[in-house]
Amino acid sequence: MSPILLEELADVFGRPKFRRNISSEQVEAFTADLALVTEVWPDSLELPGATEDPDDDFLVALAVSSRAAGIVSGDSHLTAPTNELPVAVFTPAQLLADLDASTDT
């Protein structure tokens, strides 16, 4: 997790399609709680051109700098990149399937 990612999460939850189901107070509480239970890394490293969408480059940089096992995203710039990314990317469905499979064994 990083400060930029926490901010982006709050912005996404602030969109009208989410506002019907979640209040601004709930968004604030959720992002604050998330910051407490995750490892927060600084937004210092940049990898310009890592993806086709410059707004997604920070996610790749964060994953690389934190040595994350991967990124979970539904964004096609990350799930179907035109160039090879230096980190694995899983869709939410793939992650859930992998977690489900790991509990079966």
N, C-alpha and C. Protein backbone atom coordinates (compact mmCIF):
# COMPACT_ATOMS: atom_id res chain seq x y z
N MET A 1 0.85 -1.17 0.00
CA MET A 1 0.00 0.00 0.00
C MET A 1 0.90 1.23 0.00
N SER A 2 0.39 2.32 -0.54
CA SER A 2 1.13 3.57 -0.54
C SER A 2 0.16 4.73 -0.34
N PRO A 3 0.66 5.90 0.03
CA PRO A 3 -0.24 7.05 0.18
C PRO A 3 -1.04 7.35 -1.09
N ILE A 4 -0.39 7.26 -2.26
CA ILE A 4 -1.12 7.52 -3.52
C ILE A 4 -2.23 6.50 -3.71
N LEU A 5 -1.94 5.24 -3.42
CA LEU A 5 -2.94 4.19 -3.60
C LEU A 5 -4.11 4.37 -2.63
N LEU A 6 -3.82 4.74 -1.40
CA LEU A 6 -4.90 5.02 -0.44
C LEU A 6 -5.77 6.18 -0.91
N GLU A 7 -5.14 7.20 -1.44
CA GLU A 7 -5.88 8.36 -1.96
C GLU A 7 -6.73 7.96 -3.16
N GLU A 8 -6.17 7.16 -4.05
CA GLU A 8 -6.92 6.72 -5.22
C GLU A 8 -8.12 5.87 -4.81
N LEU A 9 -7.93 5.01 -3.83
CA LEU A 9 -9.02 4.19 -3.33
C LEU A 9 -10.15 5.05 -2.79
N ALA A 10 -9.82 6.06 -2.02
CA ALA A 10 -10.83 6.98 -1.49
C ALA A 10 -11.53 7.72 -2.62
N ASP A 11 -10.78 8.12 -3.66
CA ASP A 11 -11.38 8.80 -4.80
C ASP A 11 -12.36 7.89 -5.55
N VAL A 12 -11.97 6.64 -5.73
CA VAL A 12 -12.84 5.69 -6.44
C VAL A 12 -14.12 5.47 -5.65
N PHE A 13 -13.99 5.27 -4.34
CA PHE A 13 -15.18 5.08 -3.52
C PHE A 13 -16.05 6.33 -3.47
N GLY A 14 -15.50 7.47 -3.84
CA GLY A 14 -16.26 8.71 -3.87
C GLY A 14 -17.08 8.88 -5.15
N ARG A 15 -16.90 7.99 -6.10
CA ARG A 15 -17.65 8.08 -7.37
C ARG A 15 -19.13 7.78 -7.13
N PRO A 16 -19.98 8.39 -7.95
CA PRO A 16 -21.43 8.24 -7.75
C PRO A 16 -21.92 6.79 -7.64
N LYS A 17 -21.35 5.87 -8.43
CA LYS A 17 -21.85 4.49 -8.38
C LYS A 17 -21.58 3.82 -7.03
N PHE A 18 -20.57 4.33 -6.28
CA PHE A 18 -20.30 3.78 -4.96
C PHE A 18 -21.00 4.57 -3.87
N ARG A 19 -21.25 5.85 -4.12
CA ARG A 19 -21.86 6.71 -3.11
C ARG A 19 -23.24 6.24 -2.69
N ARG A 20 -23.89 5.45 -3.55
CA ARG A 20 -25.21 4.92 -3.19
C ARG A 20 -25.11 3.93 -2.04
N ASN A 21 -23.94 3.31 -1.91
CA ASN A 21 -23.79 2.22 -0.94
C ASN A 21 -22.82 2.50 0.21
N ILE A 22 -22.05 3.55 0.08
CA ILE A 22 -21.04 3.81 1.11
C ILE A 22 -20.92 5.32 1.35
N SER A 23 -20.91 5.70 2.60
CA SER A 23 -20.84 7.12 2.95
C SER A 23 -19.39 7.59 2.97
N SER A 24 -19.19 8.89 2.95
CA SER A 24 -17.83 9.43 3.01
C SER A 24 -17.17 9.07 4.35
N GLU A 25 -17.97 8.99 5.41
CA GLU A 25 -17.42 8.60 6.71
C GLU A 25 -16.93 7.14 6.68
N GLN A 26 -17.68 6.28 5.99
CA GLN A 26 -17.27 4.88 5.87
C GLN A 26 -15.99 4.75 5.04
N VAL A 27 -15.89 5.56 3.99
CA VAL A 27 -14.68 5.55 3.15
C VAL A 27 -13.48 5.98 3.98
N GLU A 28 -13.63 7.05 4.73
CA GLU A 28 -12.53 7.52 5.58
C GLU A 28 -12.12 6.46 6.60
N ALA A 29 -13.09 5.84 7.23
CA ALA A 29 -12.79 4.81 8.23
C ALA A 29 -12.12 3.60 7.58
N PHE A 30 -12.61 3.20 6.42
CA PHE A 30 -12.04 2.04 5.73
C PHE A 30 -10.59 2.31 5.32
N THR A 31 -10.33 3.46 4.71
CA THR A 31 -8.96 3.74 4.27
C THR A 31 -8.02 3.91 5.47
N ALA A 32 -8.51 4.49 6.56
CA ALA A 32 -7.69 4.62 7.76
C ALA A 32 -7.37 3.25 8.34
N ASP A 33 -8.38 2.38 8.40
CA ASP A 33 -8.16 1.02 8.90
C ASP A 33 -7.21 0.25 7.99
N LEU A 34 -7.38 0.41 6.69
CA LEU A 34 -6.51 -0.27 5.73
C LEU A 34 -5.05 0.15 5.92
N ALA A 35 -4.84 1.43 6.16
CA ALA A 35 -3.48 1.93 6.38
C ALA A 35 -2.86 1.32 7.65
N LEU A 36 -3.71 0.98 8.61
CA LEU A 36 -3.21 0.38 9.85
C LEU A 36 -2.84 -1.09 9.71
N VAL A 37 -3.52 -1.80 8.81
CA VAL A 37 -3.31 -3.25 8.70
C VAL A 37 -2.45 -3.65 7.50
N THR A 38 -2.00 -2.68 6.73
CA THR A 38 -1.12 -2.98 5.60
C THR A 38 0.22 -2.32 5.80
N GLU A 39 1.18 -2.76 5.06
CA GLU A 39 2.49 -2.12 5.10
C GLU A 39 2.46 -0.97 4.09
N VAL A 40 2.64 0.25 4.57
CA VAL A 40 2.59 1.42 3.71
C VAL A 40 4.01 1.80 3.30
N TRP A 41 4.22 1.85 1.98
CA TRP A 41 5.52 2.20 1.40
C TRP A 41 5.45 3.60 0.82
N PRO A 42 6.57 4.31 0.82
CA PRO A 42 6.57 5.66 0.24
C PRO A 42 6.34 5.63 -1.26
N ASP A 43 5.87 6.74 -1.79
CA ASP A 43 5.62 6.88 -3.23
C ASP A 43 6.84 7.45 -3.93
N SER A 44 8.02 6.96 -3.65
CA SER A 44 9.22 7.61 -4.16
C SER A 44 9.70 7.05 -5.49
N LEU A 45 9.63 5.76 -5.70
CA LEU A 45 10.15 5.14 -6.91
C LEU A 45 9.18 5.31 -8.07
N GLU A 46 9.70 5.65 -9.23
CA GLU A 46 8.87 5.77 -10.42
C GLU A 46 9.41 4.88 -11.51
N LEU A 47 8.54 4.32 -12.31
CA LEU A 47 8.91 3.54 -13.48
C LEU A 47 8.15 4.07 -14.68
N PRO A 48 8.54 5.24 -15.18
CA PRO A 48 7.82 5.81 -16.33
C PRO A 48 7.81 4.84 -17.50
N GLY A 49 6.65 4.68 -18.11
CA GLY A 49 6.52 3.81 -19.27
C GLY A 49 6.34 2.35 -18.93
N ALA A 50 6.17 2.02 -17.66
CA ALA A 50 5.99 0.62 -17.26
C ALA A 50 4.71 0.05 -17.86
N THR A 51 3.69 0.90 -18.00
CA THR A 51 2.42 0.48 -18.59
C THR A 51 2.01 1.48 -19.66
N GLU A 52 0.95 1.15 -20.36
CA GLU A 52 0.43 2.06 -21.38
C GLU A 52 -0.26 3.28 -20.75
N ASP A 53 -0.65 3.14 -19.50
CA ASP A 53 -1.33 4.23 -18.79
C ASP A 53 -0.39 4.79 -17.73
N PRO A 54 0.10 6.00 -17.95
CA PRO A 54 1.03 6.59 -16.98
C PRO A 54 0.49 6.62 -15.55
N ASP A 55 -0.84 6.66 -15.40
CA ASP A 55 -1.42 6.67 -14.06
C ASP A 55 -1.27 5.33 -13.35
N ASP A 56 -0.95 4.27 -14.10
CA ASP A 56 -0.76 2.95 -13.49
C ASP A 56 0.69 2.63 -13.19
N ASP A 57 1.62 3.44 -13.70
CA ASP A 57 3.04 3.16 -13.51
C ASP A 57 3.44 3.10 -12.04
N PHE A 58 2.80 3.92 -11.21
CA PHE A 58 3.16 3.93 -9.79
C PHE A 58 2.84 2.60 -9.13
N LEU A 59 1.80 1.89 -9.61
CA LEU A 59 1.46 0.58 -9.03
C LEU A 59 2.56 -0.44 -9.29
N VAL A 60 3.10 -0.42 -10.50
CA VAL A 60 4.19 -1.33 -10.84
C VAL A 60 5.42 -0.96 -10.01
N ALA A 61 5.70 0.33 -9.91
CA ALA A 61 6.85 0.78 -9.11
C ALA A 61 6.68 0.38 -7.65
N LEU A 62 5.49 0.53 -7.12
CA LEU A 62 5.22 0.14 -5.73
C LEU A 62 5.42 -1.36 -5.54
N ALA A 63 4.91 -2.16 -6.45
CA ALA A 63 5.05 -3.61 -6.34
C ALA A 63 6.52 -4.02 -6.40
N VAL A 64 7.27 -3.40 -7.30
CA VAL A 64 8.69 -3.73 -7.43
C VAL A 64 9.45 -3.30 -6.17
N SER A 65 9.25 -2.07 -5.72
CA SER A 65 10.01 -1.57 -4.57
C SER A 65 9.67 -2.30 -3.28
N SER A 66 8.45 -2.77 -3.16
CA SER A 66 8.04 -3.48 -1.95
C SER A 66 8.24 -4.99 -2.05
N ARG A 67 8.71 -5.42 -3.22
CA ARG A 67 8.91 -6.86 -3.48
C ARG A 67 7.62 -7.65 -3.29
N ALA A 68 6.52 -7.06 -3.77
CA ALA A 68 5.22 -7.71 -3.67
C ALA A 68 5.16 -8.95 -4.56
N ALA A 69 4.35 -9.89 -4.16
CA ALA A 69 4.17 -11.10 -4.98
C ALA A 69 3.42 -10.79 -6.26
N GLY A 70 2.67 -9.70 -6.26
CA GLY A 70 1.93 -9.31 -7.45
C GLY A 70 0.99 -8.17 -7.17
N ILE A 71 0.29 -7.78 -8.22
CA ILE A 71 -0.71 -6.71 -8.18
C ILE A 71 -2.06 -7.36 -8.45
N VAL A 72 -3.08 -6.95 -7.72
CA VAL A 72 -4.44 -7.41 -7.98
C VAL A 72 -5.18 -6.24 -8.61
N SER A 73 -5.66 -6.46 -9.85
CA SER A 73 -6.31 -5.37 -10.57
C SER A 73 -7.19 -5.94 -11.68
N GLY A 74 -8.21 -5.19 -12.01
CA GLY A 74 -9.04 -5.52 -13.16
C GLY A 74 -8.73 -4.63 -14.34
N ASP A 75 -7.76 -3.74 -14.19
CA ASP A 75 -7.38 -2.78 -15.23
C ASP A 75 -6.67 -3.49 -16.36
N SER A 76 -7.17 -3.35 -17.59
CA SER A 76 -6.59 -4.05 -18.73
C SER A 76 -5.17 -3.61 -19.04
N HIS A 77 -4.79 -2.39 -18.65
CA HIS A 77 -3.40 -1.97 -18.85
C HIS A 77 -2.44 -2.82 -18.02
N LEU A 78 -2.97 -3.41 -16.96
CA LEU A 78 -2.15 -4.26 -16.10
C LEU A 78 -2.38 -5.75 -16.36
N THR A 79 -3.63 -6.13 -16.64
CA THR A 79 -3.93 -7.55 -16.82
C THR A 79 -3.58 -8.05 -18.22
N ALA A 80 -3.53 -7.16 -19.19
CA ALA A 80 -3.18 -7.55 -20.57
C ALA A 80 -2.24 -6.50 -21.16
N PRO A 81 -1.07 -6.35 -20.57
CA PRO A 81 -0.15 -5.31 -21.02
C PRO A 81 0.45 -5.64 -22.39
N THR A 82 0.85 -4.61 -23.10
CA THR A 82 1.50 -4.84 -24.39
C THR A 82 2.97 -5.17 -24.21
N ASN A 83 3.54 -4.81 -23.07
CA ASN A 83 4.92 -5.17 -22.77
C ASN A 83 4.94 -5.98 -21.46
N GLU A 84 6.00 -6.73 -21.27
CA GLU A 84 6.10 -7.56 -20.07
C GLU A 84 6.35 -6.70 -18.84
N LEU A 85 5.58 -6.94 -17.81
CA LEU A 85 5.73 -6.20 -16.56
C LEU A 85 6.70 -6.95 -15.64
N PRO A 86 7.40 -6.22 -14.78
CA PRO A 86 8.36 -6.85 -13.87
C PRO A 86 7.72 -7.48 -12.63
N VAL A 87 6.41 -7.62 -12.65
CA VAL A 87 5.68 -8.17 -11.51
C VAL A 87 4.44 -8.89 -12.03
N ALA A 88 4.02 -9.93 -11.32
CA ALA A 88 2.81 -10.66 -11.70
C ALA A 88 1.58 -9.80 -11.46
N VAL A 89 0.56 -9.99 -12.29
CA VAL A 89 -0.72 -9.28 -12.12
C VAL A 89 -1.83 -10.32 -12.12
N PHE A 90 -2.70 -10.22 -11.13
CA PHE A 90 -3.82 -11.13 -10.98
C PHE A 90 -5.12 -10.33 -11.00
N THR A 91 -6.13 -10.85 -11.67
CA THR A 91 -7.44 -10.22 -11.57
C THR A 91 -8.02 -10.63 -10.21
N PRO A 92 -9.00 -9.90 -9.71
CA PRO A 92 -9.61 -10.32 -8.44
C PRO A 92 -10.13 -11.76 -8.50
N ALA A 93 -10.72 -12.14 -9.64
CA ALA A 93 -11.23 -13.51 -9.78
C ALA A 93 -10.10 -14.53 -9.71
N GLN A 94 -8.96 -14.23 -10.35
CA GLN A 94 -7.82 -15.14 -10.29
C GLN A 94 -7.31 -15.28 -8.86
N LEU A 95 -7.22 -14.17 -8.15
CA LEU A 95 -6.74 -14.22 -6.77
C LEU A 95 -7.68 -15.06 -5.91
N LEU A 96 -8.98 -14.83 -6.05
CA LEU A 96 -9.94 -15.61 -5.26
C LEU A 96 -9.86 -17.10 -5.60
N ALA A 97 -9.71 -17.42 -6.89
CA ALA A 97 -9.58 -18.82 -7.30
C ALA A 97 -8.32 -19.44 -6.71
N ASP A 98 -7.22 -18.69 -6.75
CA ASP A 98 -5.96 -19.19 -6.18
C ASP A 98 -6.08 -19.39 -4.67
N LEU A 99 -6.72 -18.44 -3.99
CA LEU A 99 -6.90 -18.58 -2.55
C LEU A 99 -7.80 -19.75 -2.23
N ASP A 100 -8.85 -19.92 -3.00
CA ASP A 100 -9.77 -21.04 -2.80
C ASP A 100 -9.05 -22.36 -3.03
N ALA A 101 -8.23 -22.43 -4.07
CA ALA A 101 -7.49 -23.65 -4.37
C ALA A 101 -6.49 -23.97 -3.26
N SER A 102 -5.88 -22.95 -2.70
CA SER A 102 -4.89 -23.19 -1.65
C SER A 102 -5.53 -23.67 -0.35
N THR A 103 -6.79 -23.38 -0.14
CA THR A 103 -7.46 -23.86 1.08
C THR A 103 -8.00 -25.27 0.90
N ASP A 104 -8.07 -25.74 -0.36
CA ASP A 104 -8.56 -27.10 -0.63
C ASP A 104 -7.50 -28.15 -0.38
N THR A 105 -6.24 -27.73 -0.34
CA THR A 105 -5.17 -28.73 -0.20
C THR A 105 -4.69 -28.84 1.22
